[in-house]
Amino acid sequence: MTQHFRRLWSDESGQDLAEYALLLVLLTLVVIAALTLLGPAIGGFFNNVSTNLENV
């Protein structure tokens, strides 16, 4: 019985999936934060480009 628990304790087969999921969540939060902070600047840039193209 103790061998069974030792084998379960040292089994790390599902650990990679949890690490990848946490990494994906972290990257998603970084992208959302970047878009929130840079969104108005990017919108202003494209608005400026659109205005300049209309005047050509």
PDB file of N, CA and C in Angstrom:
ATOM      1  N   MET A   1       0.822  -1.197   0.000  1.00  0.00           N
ATOM      2  CA  MET A   1       0.000   0.000   0.000  1.00  0.00           C
ATOM      3  C   MET A   1       0.868   1.265   0.000  1.00  0.00           C
ATOM      4  N   THR A   2       1.917   1.256   0.783  1.00  0.00           N
ATOM      5  CA  THR A   2       2.782   2.436   0.815  1.00  0.00           C
ATOM      6  C   THR A   2       3.493   2.634  -0.516  1.00  0.00           C
ATOM      7  N   GLN A   3       3.775   1.546  -1.229  1.00  0.00           N
ATOM      8  CA  GLN A   3       4.399   1.687  -2.552  1.00  0.00           C
ATOM      9  C   GLN A   3       3.450   2.389  -3.513  1.00  0.00           C
ATOM     10  N   HIS A   4       2.176   2.094  -3.403  1.00  0.00           N
ATOM     11  CA  HIS A   4       1.174   2.731  -4.255  1.00  0.00           C
ATOM     12  C   HIS A   4       1.148   4.248  -4.011  1.00  0.00           C
ATOM     13  N   PHE A   5       1.164   4.660  -2.747  1.00  0.00           N
ATOM     14  CA  PHE A   5       1.153   6.088  -2.424  1.00  0.00           C
ATOM     15  C   PHE A   5       2.447   6.767  -2.853  1.00  0.00           C
ATOM     16  N   ARG A   6       3.577   6.099  -2.719  1.00  0.00           N
ATOM     17  CA  ARG A   6       4.846   6.663  -3.165  1.00  0.00           C
ATOM     18  C   ARG A   6       4.839   6.883  -4.669  1.00  0.00           C
ATOM     19  N   ARG A   7       4.282   5.931  -5.409  1.00  0.00           N
ATOM     20  CA  ARG A   7       4.212   6.056  -6.857  1.00  0.00           C
ATOM     21  C   ARG A   7       3.290   7.216  -7.254  1.00  0.00           C
ATOM     22  N   LEU A   8       2.162   7.361  -6.564  1.00  0.00           N
ATOM     23  CA  LEU A   8       1.255   8.474  -6.850  1.00  0.00           C
ATOM     24  C   LEU A   8       1.889   9.807  -6.485  1.00  0.00           C
ATOM     25  N   TRP A   9       2.646   9.846  -5.388  1.00  0.00           N
ATOM     26  CA  TRP A   9       3.278  11.085  -4.955  1.00  0.00           C
ATOM     27  C   TRP A   9       4.329  11.559  -5.950  1.00  0.00           C
ATOM     28  N   SER A  10       5.048  10.625  -6.547  1.00  0.00           N
ATOM     29  CA  SER A  10       6.122  10.997  -7.470  1.00  0.00           C
ATOM     30  C   SER A  10       5.653  11.100  -8.921  1.00  0.00           C
ATOM     31  N   ASP A  11       4.413  10.770  -9.194  1.00  0.00           N
ATOM     32  CA  ASP A  11       3.892  10.839 -10.562  1.00  0.00           C
ATOM     33  C   ASP A  11       3.647  12.296 -10.934  1.00  0.00           C
ATOM     34  N   GLU A  12       4.266  12.772 -12.004  1.00  0.00           N
ATOM     35  CA  GLU A  12       4.140  14.154 -12.441  1.00  0.00           C
ATOM     36  C   GLU A  12       3.576  14.247 -13.854  1.00  0.00           C
ATOM     37  N   SER A  13       2.790  13.286 -14.272  1.00  0.00           N
ATOM     38  CA  SER A  13       2.331  13.245 -15.665  1.00  0.00           C
ATOM     39  C   SER A  13       1.359  14.369 -16.013  1.00  0.00           C
ATOM     40  N   GLY A  14       0.566  14.854 -15.072  1.00  0.00           N
ATOM     41  CA  GLY A  14      -0.392  15.907 -15.362  1.00  0.00           C
ATOM     42  C   GLY A  14       0.126  17.302 -15.066  1.00  0.00           C
ATOM     43  N   GLN A  15       1.344  17.401 -14.589  1.00  0.00           N
ATOM     44  CA  GLN A  15       1.888  18.683 -14.181  1.00  0.00           C
ATOM     45  C   GLN A  15       2.119  19.614 -15.372  1.00  0.00           C
ATOM     46  N   ASP A  16       2.536  19.091 -16.488  1.00  0.00           N
ATOM     47  CA  ASP A  16       2.808  19.921 -17.662  1.00  0.00           C
ATOM     48  C   ASP A  16       1.565  20.658 -18.134  1.00  0.00           C
ATOM     49  N   LEU A  17       0.440  19.983 -18.133  1.00  0.00           N
ATOM     50  CA  LEU A  17      -0.804  20.616 -18.588  1.00  0.00           C
ATOM     51  C   LEU A  17      -1.167  21.798 -17.699  1.00  0.00           C
ATOM     52  N   ALA A  18      -1.007  21.655 -16.401  1.00  0.00           N
ATOM     53  CA  ALA A  18      -1.311  22.749 -15.486  1.00  0.00           C
ATOM     54  C   ALA A  18      -0.354  23.921 -15.718  1.00  0.00           C
ATOM     55  N   GLU A  19       0.908  23.636 -15.956  1.00  0.00           N
ATOM     56  CA  GLU A  19       1.873  24.706 -16.209  1.00  0.00           C
ATOM     57  C   GLU A  19       1.554  25.444 -17.503  1.00  0.00           C
ATOM     58  N   TYR A  20       1.198  24.721 -18.539  1.00  0.00           N
ATOM     59  CA  TYR A  20       0.838  25.362 -19.806  1.00  0.00           C
ATOM     60  C   TYR A  20      -0.426  26.194 -19.648  1.00  0.00           C
ATOM     61  N   ALA A  21      -1.386  25.714 -18.876  1.00  0.00           N
ATOM     62  CA  ALA A  21      -2.615  26.474 -18.655  1.00  0.00           C
ATOM     63  C   ALA A  21      -2.321  27.776 -17.907  1.00  0.00           C
ATOM     64  N   LEU A  22      -1.457  27.710 -16.891  1.00  0.00           N
ATOM     65  CA  LEU A  22      -1.102  28.924 -16.156  1.00  0.00           C
ATOM     66  C   LEU A  22      -0.341  29.901 -17.046  1.00  0.00           C
ATOM     67  N   LEU A  23       0.527  29.382 -17.896  1.00  0.00           N
ATOM     68  CA  LEU A  23       1.263  30.238 -18.817  1.00  0.00           C
ATOM     69  C   LEU A  23       0.318  30.920 -19.805  1.00  0.00           C
ATOM     70  N   LEU A  24      -0.660  30.184 -20.296  1.00  0.00           N
ATOM     71  CA  LEU A  24      -1.642  30.745 -21.220  1.00  0.00           C
ATOM     72  C   LEU A  24      -2.466  31.842 -20.550  1.00  0.00           C
ATOM     73  N   VAL A  25      -2.862  31.630 -19.308  1.00  0.00           N
ATOM     74  CA  VAL A  25      -3.617  32.645 -18.571  1.00  0.00           C
ATOM     75  C   VAL A  25      -2.763  33.889 -18.360  1.00  0.00           C
ATOM     76  N   LEU A  26      -1.499  33.707 -18.008  1.00  0.00           N
ATOM     77  CA  LEU A  26      -0.605  34.844 -17.798  1.00  0.00           C
ATOM     78  C   LEU A  26      -0.411  35.646 -19.089  1.00  0.00           C
ATOM     79  N   LEU A  27      -0.184  34.954 -20.197  1.00  0.00           N
ATOM     80  CA  LEU A  27      -0.018  35.647 -21.475  1.00  0.00           C
ATOM     81  C   LEU A  27      -1.296  36.379 -21.886  1.00  0.00           C
ATOM     82  N   THR A  28      -2.437  35.787 -21.622  1.00  0.00           N
ATOM     83  CA  THR A  28      -3.714  36.421 -21.947  1.00  0.00           C
ATOM     84  C   THR A  28      -3.892  37.709 -21.142  1.00  0.00           C
ATOM     85  N   LEU A  29      -3.540  37.660 -19.860  1.00  0.00           N
ATOM     86  CA  LEU A  29      -3.651  38.858 -19.035  1.00  0.00           C
ATOM     87  C   LEU A  29      -2.700  39.952 -19.500  1.00  0.00           C
ATOM     88  N   VAL A  30      -1.510  39.580 -19.926  1.00  0.00           N
ATOM     89  CA  VAL A  30      -0.548  40.568 -20.436  1.00  0.00           C
ATOM     90  C   VAL A  30      -1.072  41.215 -21.716  1.00  0.00           C
ATOM     91  N   VAL A  31      -1.631  40.428 -22.611  1.00  0.00           N
ATOM     92  CA  VAL A  31      -2.166  40.967 -23.864  1.00  0.00           C
ATOM     93  C   VAL A  31      -3.349  41.892 -23.594  1.00  0.00           C
ATOM     94  N   ILE A  32      -4.220  41.500 -22.686  1.00  0.00           N
ATOM     95  CA  ILE A  32      -5.374  42.342 -22.358  1.00  0.00           C
ATOM     96  C   ILE A  32      -4.914  43.664 -21.744  1.00  0.00           C
ATOM     97  N   ALA A  33      -3.936  43.598 -20.849  1.00  0.00           N
ATOM     98  CA  ALA A  33      -3.421  44.827 -20.233  1.00  0.00           C
ATOM     99  C   ALA A  33      -2.762  45.721 -21.278  1.00  0.00           C
ATOM    100  N   ALA A  34      -2.002  45.131 -22.187  1.00  0.00           N
ATOM    101  CA  ALA A  34      -1.332  45.930 -23.222  1.00  0.00           C
ATOM    102  C   ALA A  34      -2.349  46.593 -24.144  1.00  0.00           C
ATOM    103  N   LEU A  35      -3.359  45.854 -24.529  1.00  0.00           N
ATOM    104  CA  LEU A  35      -4.380  46.437 -25.409  1.00  0.00           C
ATOM    105  C   LEU A  35      -5.180  47.522 -24.698  1.00  0.00           C
ATOM    106  N   THR A  36      -5.411  47.348 -23.418  1.00  0.00           N
ATOM    107  CA  THR A  36      -6.134  48.365 -22.658  1.00  0.00           C
ATOM    108  C   THR A  36      -5.320  49.648 -22.567  1.00  0.00           C
ATOM    109  N   LEU A  37      -4.017  49.512 -22.337  1.00  0.00           N
ATOM    110  CA  LEU A  37      -3.171  50.694 -22.206  1.00  0.00           C
ATOM    111  C   LEU A  37      -2.871  51.342 -23.555  1.00  0.00           C
ATOM    112  N   LEU A  38      -2.661  50.533 -24.578  1.00  0.00           N
ATOM    113  CA  LEU A  38      -2.268  51.062 -25.886  1.00  0.00           C
ATOM    114  C   LEU A  38      -3.438  51.265 -26.837  1.00  0.00           C
ATOM    115  N   GLY A  39      -4.613  50.846 -26.453  1.00  0.00           N
ATOM    116  CA  GLY A  39      -5.780  50.940 -27.324  1.00  0.00           C
ATOM    117  C   GLY A  39      -6.063  52.339 -27.833  1.00  0.00           C
ATOM    118  N   PRO A  40      -6.133  53.336 -26.951  1.00  0.00           N
ATOM    119  CA  PRO A  40      -6.400  54.704 -27.436  1.00  0.00           C
ATOM    120  C   PRO A  40      -5.304  55.227 -28.368  1.00  0.00           C
ATOM    121  N   ALA A  41      -4.048  54.905 -28.089  1.00  0.00           N
ATOM    122  CA  ALA A  41      -2.954  55.370 -28.946  1.00  0.00           C
ATOM    123  C   ALA A  41      -3.044  54.725 -30.329  1.00  0.00           C
ATOM    124  N   ILE A  42      -3.353  53.441 -30.358  1.00  0.00           N
ATOM    125  CA  ILE A  42      -3.469  52.751 -31.649  1.00  0.00           C
ATOM    126  C   ILE A  42      -4.666  53.283 -32.427  1.00  0.00           C
ATOM    127  N   GLY A  43      -5.771  53.514 -31.717  1.00  0.00           N
ATOM    128  CA  GLY A  43      -6.952  54.084 -32.372  1.00  0.00           C
ATOM    129  C   GLY A  43      -6.684  55.460 -32.932  1.00  0.00           C
ATOM    130  N   GLY A  44      -5.963  56.274 -32.174  1.00  0.00           N
ATOM    131  CA  GLY A  44      -5.610  57.605 -32.654  1.00  0.00           C
ATOM    132  C   GLY A  44      -4.702  57.551 -33.866  1.00  0.00           C
ATOM    133  N   PHE A  45      -3.785  56.608 -33.871  1.00  0.00           N
ATOM    134  CA  PHE A  45      -2.883  56.455 -35.016  1.00  0.00           C
ATOM    135  C   PHE A  45      -3.660  56.126 -36.282  1.00  0.00           C
ATOM    136  N   PHE A  46      -4.554  55.145 -36.199  1.00  0.00           N
ATOM    137  CA  PHE A  46      -5.317  54.760 -37.386  1.00  0.00           C
ATOM    138  C   PHE A  46      -6.307  55.848 -37.796  1.00  0.00           C
ATOM    139  N   ASN A  47      -6.826  56.585 -36.828  1.00  0.00           N
ATOM    140  CA  ASN A  47      -7.699  57.706 -37.155  1.00  0.00           C
ATOM    141  C   ASN A  47      -6.919  58.778 -37.911  1.00  0.00           C
ATOM    142  N   ASN A  48      -5.678  59.025 -37.496  1.00  0.00           N
ATOM    143  CA  ASN A  48      -4.820  59.988 -38.169  1.00  0.00           C
ATOM    144  C   ASN A  48      -4.488  59.522 -39.587  1.00  0.00           C
ATOM    145  N   VAL A  49      -4.199  58.252 -39.747  1.00  0.00           N
ATOM    146  CA  VAL A  49      -3.917  57.705 -41.078  1.00  0.00           C
ATOM    147  C   VAL A  49      -5.140  57.845 -41.975  1.00  0.00           C
ATOM    148  N   SER A  50      -6.319  57.536 -41.426  1.00  0.00           N
ATOM    149  CA  SER A  50      -7.555  57.646 -42.203  1.00  0.00           C
ATOM    150  C   SER A  50      -7.808  59.087 -42.638  1.00  0.00           C
ATOM    151  N   THR A  51      -7.591  60.017 -41.726  1.00  0.00           N
ATOM    152  CA  THR A  51      -7.787  61.428 -42.058  1.00  0.00           C
ATOM    153  C   THR A  51      -6.821  61.879 -43.144  1.00  0.00           C
ATOM    154  N   ASN A  52      -5.550  61.459 -43.032  1.00  0.00           N
ATOM    155  CA  ASN A  52      -4.566  61.831 -44.039  1.00  0.00           C
ATOM    156  C   ASN A  52      -4.870  61.214 -45.400  1.00  0.00           C
ATOM    157  N   LEU A  53      -5.413  60.009 -45.422  1.00  0.00           N
ATOM    158  CA  LEU A  53      -5.758  59.372 -46.681  1.00  0.00           C
ATOM    159  C   LEU A  53      -6.960  60.056 -47.337  1.00  0.00           C
ATOM    160  N   GLU A  54      -7.865  60.558 -46.535  1.00  0.00           N
ATOM    161  CA  GLU A  54      -9.033  61.242 -47.089  1.00  0.00           C
ATOM    162  C   GLU A  54      -8.625  62.577 -47.718  1.00  0.00           C
ATOM    163  N   ASN A  55      -7.584  63.196 -47.218  1.00  0.00           N
ATOM    164  CA  ASN A  55      -7.145  64.494 -47.720  1.00  0.00           C
ATOM    165  C   ASN A  55      -6.253  64.387 -48.947  1.00  0.00           C
ATOM    166  N   VAL A  56      -5.862  63.186 -49.322  1.00  0.00           N
ATOM    167  CA  VAL A  56      -4.964  63.025 -50.480  1.00  0.00           C
ATOM    168  C   VAL A  56      -5.737  63.077 -51.758  1.00  0.00           C
TER     169      VAL A  56
END
